[in-house]
C-alpha atoms as a PDB file:
ATOM      1  CA  MET A   1     -19.292 -13.374  20.870  1.00  0.00           C
ATOM      2  CA  LYS A   2     -17.510 -10.013  20.723  1.00  0.00           C
ATOM      3  CA  VAL A   3     -16.253  -9.121  17.236  1.00  0.00           C
ATOM      4  CA  ARG A   4     -14.554  -6.340  15.286  1.00  0.00           C
ATOM      5  CA  PHE A   5     -14.552  -5.413  11.607  1.00  0.00           C
ATOM      6  CA  GLY A   6     -11.667  -4.445   9.369  1.00  0.00           C
ATOM      7  CA  VAL A   7     -12.679  -2.540   6.233  1.00  0.00           C
ATOM      8  CA  ASP A   8     -10.606  -1.564   3.179  1.00  0.00           C
ATOM      9  CA  VAL A   9     -12.402   0.998   1.006  1.00  0.00           C
ATOM     10  CA  GLY A  10     -11.134   1.080  -2.564  1.00  0.00           C
ATOM     11  CA  GLY A  11     -12.294   2.910  -5.651  1.00  0.00           C
ATOM     12  CA  THR A  12     -13.769  -0.284  -7.134  1.00  0.00           C
ATOM     13  CA  THR A  13     -14.556  -2.570  -4.191  1.00  0.00           C
ATOM     14  CA  ILE A  14     -14.921  -2.422  -0.425  1.00  0.00           C
ATOM     15  CA  LYS A  15     -13.389  -5.391   1.382  1.00  0.00           C
ATOM     16  CA  ILE A  16     -14.907  -6.271   4.754  1.00  0.00           C
ATOM     17  CA  GLY A  17     -13.374  -8.671   7.267  1.00  0.00           C
ATOM     18  CA  LEU A  18     -15.088 -10.034  10.383  1.00  0.00           C
ATOM     19  CA  PHE A  19     -12.614 -10.825  13.169  1.00  0.00           C
ATOM     20  CA  ASP A  20     -12.895 -12.274  16.638  1.00  0.00           C
ATOM     21  CA  THR A  21     -11.218 -10.490  19.537  1.00  0.00           C
ATOM     22  CA  THR A  22      -7.951 -12.427  19.036  1.00  0.00           C
ATOM     23  CA  GLY A  23      -7.558 -11.301  15.429  1.00  0.00           C
ATOM     24  CA  GLU A  24      -8.704 -14.475  13.713  1.00  0.00           C
ATOM     25  CA  LEU A  25     -10.408 -13.703  10.409  1.00  0.00           C
ATOM     26  CA  LEU A  26     -13.814 -15.392  10.594  1.00  0.00           C
ATOM     27  CA  GLU A  27     -15.340 -14.240   7.327  1.00  0.00           C
ATOM     28  CA  LYS A  28     -14.656 -11.780   4.536  1.00  0.00           C
ATOM     29  CA  ARG A  29     -16.849 -10.243   1.860  1.00  0.00           C
ATOM     30  CA  SER A  30     -16.613  -7.596  -0.841  1.00  0.00           C
ATOM     31  CA  ILE A  31     -19.139  -5.132  -2.203  1.00  0.00           C
ATOM     32  CA  GLU A  32     -18.912  -2.700  -5.085  1.00  0.00           C
ATOM     33  CA  THR A  33     -17.951   0.879  -4.294  1.00  0.00           C
ATOM     34  CA  ASP A  34     -20.620   3.333  -5.409  1.00  0.00           C
ATOM     35  CA  ILE A  35     -18.659   6.516  -6.093  1.00  0.00           C
ATOM     36  CA  SER A  36     -21.618   8.427  -7.540  1.00  0.00           C
ATOM     37  CA  ASN A  37     -22.726  11.698  -5.911  1.00  0.00           C
ATOM     38  CA  GLN A  38     -19.269  12.408  -4.430  1.00  0.00           C
ATOM     39  CA  GLY A  39     -19.240   9.052  -2.688  1.00  0.00           C
ATOM     40  CA  SER A  40     -22.269   9.850  -0.545  1.00  0.00           C
ATOM     41  CA  ASN A  41     -23.540   6.254  -0.777  1.00  0.00           C
ATOM     42  CA  ILE A  42     -20.326   4.552   0.306  1.00  0.00           C
ATOM     43  CA  ILE A  43     -20.796   4.617   4.075  1.00  0.00           C
ATOM     44  CA  PRO A  44     -24.526   3.770   4.022  1.00  0.00           C
ATOM     45  CA  ASP A  45     -23.719   0.818   1.718  1.00  0.00           C
ATOM     46  CA  LEU A  46     -20.903  -0.285   4.034  1.00  0.00           C
ATOM     47  CA  VAL A  47     -23.088  -0.154   7.141  1.00  0.00           C
ATOM     48  CA  LYS A  48     -25.827  -2.128   5.405  1.00  0.00           C
ATOM     49  CA  ALA A  49     -23.286  -4.741   4.297  1.00  0.00           C
ATOM     50  CA  ILE A  50     -21.886  -5.148   7.814  1.00  0.00           C
ATOM     51  CA  GLN A  51     -25.388  -5.585   9.178  1.00  0.00           C
ATOM     52  CA  THR A  52     -25.951  -8.597   6.897  1.00  0.00           C
ATOM     53  CA  PHE A  53     -23.314 -10.641   8.755  1.00  0.00           C
ATOM     54  CA  ASP A  54     -24.783 -13.275  11.073  1.00  0.00           C
ATOM     55  CA  ILE A  55     -23.885 -11.500  14.311  1.00  0.00           C
ATOM     56  CA  ASP A  56     -25.516  -9.574  17.130  1.00  0.00           C
ATOM     57  CA  LEU A  57     -24.757  -5.939  16.287  1.00  0.00           C
ATOM     58  CA  GLN A  58     -24.523  -5.116  19.980  1.00  0.00           C
ATOM     59  CA  HIS A  59     -21.422  -7.323  20.128  1.00  0.00           C
ATOM     60  CA  VAL A  60     -19.491  -5.278  17.543  1.00  0.00           C
ATOM     61  CA  GLN A  61     -16.707  -3.640  19.560  1.00  0.00           C
ATOM     62  CA  GLY A  62     -15.163  -1.651  16.755  1.00  0.00           C
ATOM     63  CA  ILE A  63     -14.852  -0.932  13.048  1.00  0.00           C
ATOM     64  CA  GLY A  64     -11.475  -0.062  11.516  1.00  0.00           C
ATOM     65  CA  VAL A  65     -11.509   1.591   8.091  1.00  0.00           C
ATOM     66  CA  GLY A  66      -8.784   2.178   5.509  1.00  0.00           C
ATOM     67  CA  VAL A  67      -9.235   4.751   2.736  1.00  0.00           C
ATOM     68  CA  PRO A  68      -7.126   5.740  -0.304  1.00  0.00           C
ATOM     69  CA  GLY A  69      -5.941   9.191   0.692  1.00  0.00           C
ATOM     70  CA  PRO A  70      -4.297  11.262   3.437  1.00  0.00           C
ATOM     71  CA  VAL A  71      -5.950  10.878   6.838  1.00  0.00           C
ATOM     72  CA  LYS A  72      -5.229  12.820  10.002  1.00  0.00           C
ATOM     73  CA  ASP A  73      -6.947  12.179  13.326  1.00  0.00           C
ATOM     74  CA  GLY A  74      -9.681  10.239  11.539  1.00  0.00           C
ATOM     75  CA  LEU A  75     -10.494  13.005   9.042  1.00  0.00           C
ATOM     76  CA  VAL A  76     -10.058  12.121   5.366  1.00  0.00           C
ATOM     77  CA  TYR A  77      -8.401  15.170   3.811  1.00  0.00           C
ATOM     78  CA  GLN A  78      -8.977  14.026   0.262  1.00  0.00           C
ATOM     79  CA  ALA A  79      -9.805  10.692  -1.374  1.00  0.00           C
ATOM     80  CA  VAL A  80      -9.969  11.595  -5.059  1.00  0.00           C
ATOM     81  CA  ASN A  81     -11.082   8.140  -6.211  1.00  0.00           C
ATOM     82  CA  LEU A  82     -14.043   8.264  -3.816  1.00  0.00           C
ATOM     83  CA  GLY A  83     -15.078  11.878  -4.209  1.00  0.00           C
ATOM     84  CA  TRP A  84     -14.394  12.664  -0.535  1.00  0.00           C
ATOM     85  CA  HIS A  85     -12.896  15.925   0.695  1.00  0.00           C
ATOM     86  CA  HIS A  86     -12.508  16.702   4.412  1.00  0.00           C
ATOM     87  CA  TYR A  87     -14.856  13.847   5.226  1.00  0.00           C
ATOM     88  CA  ASP A  88     -15.425  12.500   8.732  1.00  0.00           C
ATOM     89  CA  VAL A  89     -15.853   8.768   8.085  1.00  0.00           C
ATOM     90  CA  ALA A  90     -16.192   7.822  11.760  1.00  0.00           C
ATOM     91  CA  LYS A  91     -19.001  10.323  12.291  1.00  0.00           C
ATOM     92  CA  ALA A  92     -20.805   9.047   9.192  1.00  0.00           C
ATOM     93  CA  ILE A  93     -20.597   5.427  10.360  1.00  0.00           C
ATOM     94  CA  LYS A  94     -21.726   6.223  13.882  1.00  0.00           C
ATOM     95  CA  THR A  95     -24.684   8.179  12.522  1.00  0.00           C
ATOM     96  CA  ASP A  96     -25.954   5.071  10.716  1.00  0.00           C
ATOM     97  CA  TRP A  97     -24.974   2.522  13.400  1.00  0.00           C
ATOM     98  CA  PRO A  98     -27.698   1.547  15.887  1.00  0.00           C
ATOM     99  CA  TYR A  99     -25.390   1.186  18.922  1.00  0.00           C
ATOM    100  CA  PRO A 100     -22.322   2.947  20.340  1.00  0.00           C
ATOM    101  CA  VAL A 101     -19.269   1.702  18.425  1.00  0.00           C
ATOM    102  CA  LYS A 102     -15.583   2.587  18.226  1.00  0.00           C
ATOM    103  CA  VAL A 103     -14.402   3.597  14.730  1.00  0.00           C
ATOM    104  CA  THR A 104     -10.834   4.206  13.555  1.00  0.00           C
ATOM    105  CA  VAL A 105      -9.890   5.608  10.141  1.00  0.00           C
ATOM    106  CA  HIS A 106      -6.461   5.562   8.493  1.00  0.00           C
ATOM    107  CA  ASN A 107      -4.803   5.635   5.094  1.00  0.00           C
ATOM    108  CA  ASP A 108      -5.125   2.250   3.375  1.00  0.00           C
ATOM    109  CA  ALA A 109      -1.399   1.737   2.703  1.00  0.00           C
ATOM    110  CA  ASN A 110      -0.583   2.561   6.328  1.00  0.00           C
ATOM    111  CA  LEU A 111      -3.073  -0.084   7.398  1.00  0.00           C
ATOM    112  CA  ALA A 112      -1.601  -2.598   4.973  1.00  0.00           C
ATOM    113  CA  ALA A 113       1.736  -2.012   6.719  1.00  0.00           C
ATOM    114  CA  LEU A 114       0.078  -2.596  10.072  1.00  0.00           C
ATOM    115  CA  GLY A 115      -1.548  -5.753   8.690  1.00  0.00           C
ATOM    116  CA  GLU A 116       1.784  -7.194   7.573  1.00  0.00           C
ATOM    117  CA  LEU A 117       3.143  -6.459  11.048  1.00  0.00           C
ATOM    118  CA  MET A 118       0.196  -8.177  12.683  1.00  0.00           C
ATOM    119  CA  ALA A 119      -0.183 -11.315  10.572  1.00  0.00           C
ATOM    120  CA  GLY A 120       2.123 -11.166   7.551  1.00  0.00           C
ATOM    121  CA  ALA A 121       5.777 -10.842   6.611  1.00  0.00           C
ATOM    122  CA  ALA A 122       6.761  -8.586   9.518  1.00  0.00           C
ATOM    123  CA  GLN A 123       5.350 -10.389  12.529  1.00  0.00           C
ATOM    124  CA  ASP A 124       7.327  -9.987  15.758  1.00  0.00           C
ATOM    125  CA  VAL A 125       8.797  -6.615  14.743  1.00  0.00           C
ATOM    126  CA  LYS A 126       7.674  -3.146  15.763  1.00  0.00           C
ATOM    127  CA  ASN A 127       9.329  -1.002  13.104  1.00  0.00           C
ATOM    128  CA  LEU A 128       8.846  -1.436   9.377  1.00  0.00           C
ATOM    129  CA  VAL A 129       8.492   0.382   6.092  1.00  0.00           C
ATOM    130  CA  PHE A 130       5.979  -1.053   3.636  1.00  0.00           C
ATOM    131  CA  PHE A 131       6.057  -0.451  -0.128  1.00  0.00           C
ATOM    132  CA  THR A 132       3.032  -1.098  -2.331  1.00  0.00           C
ATOM    133  CA  LEU A 133       4.332  -1.442  -5.875  1.00  0.00           C
ATOM    134  CA  GLY A 134       1.194  -1.428  -8.005  1.00  0.00           C
ATOM    135  CA  THR A 135      -0.216   0.927 -10.624  1.00  0.00           C
ATOM    136  CA  GLY A 136       1.402   3.603  -8.456  1.00  0.00           C
ATOM    137  CA  VAL A 137       3.695   3.387  -5.447  1.00  0.00           C
ATOM    138  CA  GLY A 138       2.293   3.790  -1.963  1.00  0.00           C
ATOM    139  CA  GLY A 139       3.567   2.886   1.427  1.00  0.00           C
ATOM    140  CA  GLY A 140       3.274   2.940   5.145  1.00  0.00           C
ATOM    141  CA  ILE A 141       5.661   3.473   8.043  1.00  0.00           C
ATOM    142  CA  VAL A 142       5.169   1.818  11.415  1.00  0.00           C
ATOM    143  CA  SER A 143       7.351   2.979  14.303  1.00  0.00           C
ATOM    144  CA  ASP A 144       7.234   1.199  17.655  1.00  0.00           C
ATOM    145  CA  GLY A 145       4.022  -0.478  16.530  1.00  0.00           C
ATOM    146  CA  LYS A 146       2.297   2.813  15.629  1.00  0.00           C
ATOM    147  CA  ILE A 147       1.410   4.217  12.217  1.00  0.00           C
ATOM    148  CA  ILE A 148       3.243   7.430  11.313  1.00  0.00           C
ATOM    149  CA  GLU A 149       0.584   9.812   9.954  1.00  0.00           C
ATOM    150  CA  GLY A 150       2.608  13.001  10.228  1.00  0.00           C
ATOM    151  CA  ALA A 151       1.342  16.553  10.584  1.00  0.00           C
ATOM    152  CA  HIS A 152      -0.755  16.489   7.398  1.00  0.00           C
ATOM    153  CA  GLY A 153      -1.763  12.837   7.182  1.00  0.00           C
ATOM    154  CA  ALA A 154       0.784  12.239   4.421  1.00  0.00           C
ATOM    155  CA  GLY A 155       3.278  10.126   6.376  1.00  0.00           C
ATOM    156  CA  GLY A 156       4.204   7.119   4.269  1.00  0.00           C
ATOM    157  CA  GLU A 157       3.636   8.765   0.865  1.00  0.00           C
ATOM    158  CA  ILE A 158       6.939   7.243  -0.181  1.00  0.00           C
ATOM    159  CA  GLY A 159       5.969   6.995  -3.852  1.00  0.00           C
ATOM    160  CA  HIS A 160       6.631  10.721  -4.080  1.00  0.00           C
ATOM    161  CA  MET A 161      10.256  10.682  -3.026  1.00  0.00           C
ATOM    162  CA  ARG A 162      12.292  12.224  -5.870  1.00  0.00           C
ATOM    163  CA  VAL A 163      14.807   9.548  -6.773  1.00  0.00           C
ATOM    164  CA  GLY A 164      14.483   9.276 -10.561  1.00  0.00           C
ATOM    165  CA  ASN A 165      16.607  10.869 -13.278  1.00  0.00           C
ATOM    166  CA  LYS A 166      14.541  10.544 -16.452  1.00  0.00           C
ATOM    167  CA  GLY A 167      12.528  13.754 -16.204  1.00  0.00           C
ATOM    168  CA  PHE A 168       9.260  11.832 -15.985  1.00  0.00           C
ATOM    169  CA  THR A 169       6.278  13.861 -14.763  1.00  0.00           C
ATOM    170  CA  CYS A 170       4.346  12.294 -11.875  1.00  0.00           C
ATOM    171  CA  ALA A 171       0.579  12.415 -11.411  1.00  0.00           C
ATOM    172  CA  CYS A 172       1.218  14.645  -8.390  1.00  0.00           C
ATOM    173  CA  GLY A 173       2.774  17.273 -10.686  1.00  0.00           C
ATOM    174  CA  ASN A 174       6.386  16.819  -9.610  1.00  0.00           C
ATOM    175  CA  ILE A 175       9.215  15.311 -11.628  1.00  0.00           C
ATOM    176  CA  ASP A 176      11.020  11.982 -11.097  1.00  0.00           C
ATOM    177  CA  CYS A 177       9.028  10.664  -8.141  1.00  0.00           C
ATOM    178  CA  LEU A 178       9.709   7.045  -7.214  1.00  0.00           C
ATOM    179  CA  GLU A 179       6.251   6.229  -8.599  1.00  0.00           C
ATOM    180  CA  THR A 180       7.339   7.249 -12.115  1.00  0.00           C
ATOM    181  CA  ILE A 181       9.985   4.499 -12.076  1.00  0.00           C
ATOM    182  CA  ALA A 182       9.055   1.669  -9.698  1.00  0.00           C
ATOM    183  CA  SER A 183       5.310   1.274 -10.353  1.00  0.00           C
ATOM    184  CA  ALA A 184       3.788  -0.995 -12.993  1.00  0.00           C
ATOM    185  CA  SER A 185       2.949   2.065 -15.076  1.00  0.00           C
ATOM    186  CA  GLY A 186       6.461   3.437 -14.508  1.00  0.00           C
ATOM    187  CA  ILE A 187       8.036   0.200 -15.731  1.00  0.00           C
ATOM    188  CA  LYS A 188       5.985   0.358 -18.943  1.00  0.00           C
ATOM    189  CA  ARG A 189       6.946   4.012 -19.319  1.00  0.00           C
ATOM    190  CA  LEU A 190      10.620   3.073 -19.020  1.00  0.00           C
ATOM    191  CA  ALA A 191      10.118   0.447 -21.704  1.00  0.00           C
ATOM    192  CA  ALA A 192       8.685   3.018 -24.104  1.00  0.00           C
ATOM    193  CA  HIS A 193      11.564   5.352 -23.235  1.00  0.00           C
ATOM    194  CA  TYR A 194      14.306   2.817 -24.022  1.00  0.00           C
ATOM    195  CA  VAL A 195      12.591   1.518 -27.155  1.00  0.00           C
ATOM    196  CA  GLN A 196      12.548   5.087 -28.484  1.00  0.00           C
ATOM    197  CA  GLU A 197      15.785   6.485 -27.055  1.00  0.00           C
ATOM    198  CA  SER A 198      18.259   3.581 -27.163  1.00  0.00           C
ATOM    199  CA  ASN A 199      19.753   1.271 -29.770  1.00  0.00           C
ATOM    200  CA  LEU A 200      19.624  -1.776 -27.515  1.00  0.00           C
ATOM    201  CA  PRO A 201      18.120  -4.912 -29.039  1.00  0.00           C
ATOM    202  CA  SER A 202      14.941  -6.216 -27.416  1.00  0.00           C
ATOM    203  CA  ARG A 203      11.861  -8.296 -28.050  1.00  0.00           C
ATOM    204  CA  LEU A 204       9.962  -5.247 -26.812  1.00  0.00           C
ATOM    205  CA  ARG A 205      10.579  -3.660 -30.219  1.00  0.00           C
ATOM    206  CA  GLN A 206       8.257  -6.235 -31.773  1.00  0.00           C
ATOM    207  CA  GLU A 207       5.462  -5.740 -29.226  1.00  0.00           C
ATOM    208  CA  SER A 208       2.613  -3.233 -29.387  1.00  0.00           C
ATOM    209  CA  TYR A 209       1.695  -3.884 -25.736  1.00  0.00           C
ATOM    210  CA  TYR A 210       3.702  -5.134 -22.784  1.00  0.00           C
ATOM    211  CA  SER A 211       2.921  -5.591 -19.096  1.00  0.00           C
ATOM    212  CA  ALA A 212       5.288  -5.085 -16.176  1.00  0.00           C
ATOM    213  CA  LYS A 213       5.270  -8.856 -15.607  1.00  0.00           C
ATOM    214  CA  TYR A 214       6.308  -9.482 -19.232  1.00  0.00           C
ATOM    215  CA  ILE A 215       9.191  -7.039 -18.832  1.00  0.00           C
ATOM    216  CA  PHE A 216      10.365  -8.859 -15.695  1.00  0.00           C
ATOM    217  CA  ASP A 217      10.135 -12.182 -17.553  1.00  0.00           C
ATOM    218  CA  LEU A 218      12.224 -10.763 -20.399  1.00  0.00           C
ATOM    219  CA  ALA A 219      14.780  -9.414 -17.930  1.00  0.00           C
ATOM    220  CA  MET A 220      15.153 -12.856 -16.370  1.00  0.00           C
ATOM    221  CA  SER A 221      15.818 -14.275 -19.831  1.00  0.00           C
ATOM    222  CA  GLY A 222      18.539 -11.687 -20.560  1.00  0.00           C
ATOM    223  CA  ASP A 223      16.702  -9.212 -22.807  1.00  0.00           C
ATOM    224  CA  PRO A 224      18.951  -6.068 -22.905  1.00  0.00           C
ATOM    225  CA  ILE A 225      16.253  -3.373 -22.651  1.00  0.00           C
ATOM    226  CA  ALA A 226      14.300  -5.302 -20.033  1.00  0.00           C
ATOM    227  CA  GLU A 227      17.467  -5.791 -17.971  1.00  0.00           C
ATOM    228  CA  THR A 228      18.192  -2.047 -18.193  1.00  0.00           C
ATOM    229  CA  ILE A 229      14.664  -1.238 -17.020  1.00  0.00           C
ATOM    230  CA  ILE A 230      14.940  -3.505 -13.989  1.00  0.00           C
ATOM    231  CA  GLU A 231      18.306  -1.968 -13.123  1.00  0.00           C
ATOM    232  CA  ASP A 232      16.638   1.475 -13.132  1.00  0.00           C
ATOM    233  CA  VAL A 233      13.773   0.215 -10.991  1.00  0.00           C
ATOM    234  CA  THR A 234      16.005  -1.424  -8.408  1.00  0.00           C
ATOM    235  CA  ASP A 235      18.399   1.554  -8.366  1.00  0.00           C
ATOM    236  CA  ALA A 236      15.477   3.830  -7.482  1.00  0.00           C
ATOM    237  CA  LEU A 237      14.130   1.481  -4.824  1.00  0.00           C
ATOM    238  CA  ALA A 238      17.593   1.041  -3.293  1.00  0.00           C
ATOM    239  CA  GLN A 239      17.963   4.834  -3.051  1.00  0.00           C
ATOM    240  CA  ALA A 240      14.519   5.082  -1.475  1.00  0.00           C
ATOM    241  CA  THR A 241      15.260   2.384   1.106  1.00  0.00           C
ATOM    242  CA  GLN A 242      18.598   4.004   1.974  1.00  0.00           C
ATOM    243  CA  ILE A 243      16.894   7.325   2.669  1.00  0.00           C
ATOM    244  CA  LEU A 244      14.052   5.733   4.614  1.00  0.00           C
ATOM    245  CA  ALA A 245      16.477   3.624   6.629  1.00  0.00           C
ATOM    246  CA  VAL A 246      18.278   6.622   8.111  1.00  0.00           C
ATOM    247  CA  VAL A 247      14.968   8.387   8.799  1.00  0.00           C
ATOM    248  CA  ALA A 248      12.826   5.548  10.189  1.00  0.00           C
ATOM    249  CA  ASP A 249      15.418   2.886  11.177  1.00  0.00           C
ATOM    250  CA  PRO A 250      13.072  -0.061  10.474  1.00  0.00           C
ATOM    251  CA  ASP A 251      13.645  -3.692  11.332  1.00  0.00           C
ATOM    252  CA  THR A 252      12.242  -4.720   7.961  1.00  0.00           C
ATOM    253  CA  PHE A 253      11.316  -3.439   4.520  1.00  0.00           C
ATOM    254  CA  VAL A 254       8.241  -5.214   3.142  1.00  0.00           C
ATOM    255  CA  PHE A 255       7.280  -5.089  -0.543  1.00  0.00           C
ATOM    256  CA  GLY A 256       3.721  -5.717  -1.682  1.00  0.00           C
ATOM    257  CA  GLY A 257       1.594  -4.946  -4.725  1.00  0.00           C
ATOM    258  CA  GLY A 258       1.581  -6.558  -8.147  1.00  0.00           C
ATOM    259  CA  VAL A 259       5.181  -5.669  -9.025  1.00  0.00           C
ATOM    260  CA  SER A 260       6.413  -7.483  -5.906  1.00  0.00           C
ATOM    261  CA  ARG A 261       5.282 -10.771  -7.456  1.00  0.00           C
ATOM    262  CA  ALA A 262       8.663 -10.777  -9.184  1.00  0.00           C
ATOM    263  CA  GLY A 263       9.750 -12.101  -5.779  1.00  0.00           C
ATOM    264  CA  ASP A 264      13.377 -12.849  -4.994  1.00  0.00           C
ATOM    265  CA  PHE A 265      14.544 -11.678  -8.427  1.00  0.00           C
ATOM    266  CA  LEU A 266      13.437  -8.156  -7.488  1.00  0.00           C
ATOM    267  CA  ILE A 267      14.061  -8.198  -3.740  1.00  0.00           C
ATOM    268  CA  ASP A 268      17.596  -9.612  -3.969  1.00  0.00           C
ATOM    269  CA  LYS A 269      18.625  -6.871  -6.402  1.00  0.00           C
ATOM    270  CA  ILE A 270      17.208  -4.124  -4.172  1.00  0.00           C
ATOM    271  CA  ARG A 271      18.861  -5.597  -1.072  1.00  0.00           C
ATOM    272  CA  LYS A 272      22.295  -5.889  -2.683  1.00  0.00           C
ATOM    273  CA  LYS A 273      22.193  -2.360  -4.038  1.00  0.00           C
ATOM    274  CA  TYR A 274      20.902  -1.032  -0.721  1.00  0.00           C
ATOM    275  CA  GLN A 275      23.743  -2.686   1.198  1.00  0.00           C
ATOM    276  CA  GLN A 276      26.285  -0.977  -1.055  1.00  0.00           C
ATOM    277  CA  ILE A 277      25.018   2.489  -0.082  1.00  0.00           C
ATOM    278  CA  ALA A 278      23.584   1.875   3.399  1.00  0.00           C
ATOM    279  CA  PHE A 279      24.684   3.611   6.559  1.00  0.00           C
ATOM    280  CA  PRO A 280      26.877   0.906   8.144  1.00  0.00           C
ATOM    281  CA  THR A 281      24.764   0.467  11.285  1.00  0.00           C
ATOM    282  CA  LEU A 282      21.709  -0.190   9.109  1.00  0.00           C
ATOM    283  CA  ARG A 283      23.223  -2.524   6.530  1.00  0.00           C
ATOM    284  CA  ASN A 284      21.467  -5.666   7.743  1.00  0.00           C
ATOM    285  CA  ILE A 285      17.837  -4.539   7.661  1.00  0.00           C
ATOM    286  CA  HIS A 286      15.602  -7.379   6.421  1.00  0.00           C
ATOM    287  CA  PHE A 287      13.931  -7.248   3.002  1.00  0.00           C
ATOM    288  CA  LYS A 288      10.774  -9.323   2.568  1.00  0.00           C
ATOM    289  CA  VAL A 289       7.883  -9.867   0.185  1.00  0.00           C
ATOM    290  CA  ALA A 290       4.438  -9.190   1.669  1.00  0.00           C
ATOM    291  CA  ARG A 291       2.373 -12.260   2.563  1.00  0.00           C
ATOM    292  CA  LEU A 292      -1.187 -11.067   3.024  1.00  0.00           C
ATOM    293  CA  GLY A 293      -1.880  -9.800  -0.484  1.00  0.00           C
ATOM    294  CA  ASN A 294      -5.227  -8.020  -0.775  1.00  0.00           C
ATOM    295  CA  ASP A 295      -6.114  -8.953   2.826  1.00  0.00           C
ATOM    296  CA  ALA A 296      -3.387  -6.782   4.374  1.00  0.00           C
ATOM    297  CA  GLY A 297      -5.693  -3.779   4.608  1.00  0.00           C
ATOM    298  CA  ILE A 298      -8.487  -5.522   6.498  1.00  0.00           C
ATOM    299  CA  TYR A 299      -6.002  -7.041   8.955  1.00  0.00           C
ATOM    300  CA  GLY A 300      -4.450  -3.626   9.539  1.00  0.00           C
ATOM    301  CA  ALA A 301      -7.869  -2.032   9.931  1.00  0.00           C
ATOM    302  CA  PHE A 302      -8.753  -4.626  12.563  1.00  0.00           C
ATOM    303  CA  LYS A 303      -5.482  -3.989  14.390  1.00  0.00           C
ATOM    304  CA  SER A 304      -5.991  -0.223  14.335  1.00  0.00           C
ATOM    305  CA  VAL A 305      -9.282  -0.512  16.198  1.00  0.00           C
ATOM    306  CA  TYR A 306      -7.915  -3.288  18.430  1.00  0.00           C
ATOM    307  CA  ASP A 307      -5.014  -1.036  19.445  1.00  0.00           C
ATOM    308  CA  GLU A 308      -7.454   1.682  20.537  1.00  0.00           C
ATOM    309  CA  ASP A 309      -8.740  -0.503  23.411  1.00  0.00           C
END
């Protein structure tokens, strides 16, 4: 049986999916990511792990790989969490693989977007923008079924759009990036800001620690500071979607990552605010919550190598 692999390389774990030629996920496994020695063990470990699957290696038609960093034409410019810099992942895999094999390499968030298009919230569309609202904010843009990498491999780095107004410094060095507001860490940062800078009453004033989920729960119960935080978050995301809409003209915006678990409470607010500022032709773009969760990357990685046939 001919098969393909979809791989999502993260700083902590590597997720590996075995797919048949139709895109059905047959089996998935995870291994720890060994980031020692500038990540020199990652690809050898991955190849060894793939070879433990109960398959004939000659029947592997392709391996798609997602990595956390800018990628252009298969070359990883920089993956800080892995220790890679200008690293040719495909060449490394082919060096260790016993047979000729097709390898594709893309940014992990771009592949998650492709995965949601293939088997998740955005099936049957060809144009979408995907937001990953986690510890940071990442994203991917798919146009006419193809990932937009851009000239420097940074297409889809939507977390670094400057849409904030609090003067928060981003990890990238700029000020007021979307990531400083709409990520889980940004939400907690907003909480600290309003506890210190406002006179609004809140249960947050009695807490020494609070998660993004707790802040959403408080907002749903009417807590004044929590409500203000969520207004800031959804204002920033509405501005980001308005800008992206006139640039990419997607059929659908898809929201994944831990923050998206707030579900309709979050998505409905973003949609309503977006529609108030949208270019009229683009007012009815769909807003959806991602469906594939942590599997989006392996599905997208499979599709990236499938599309190369």
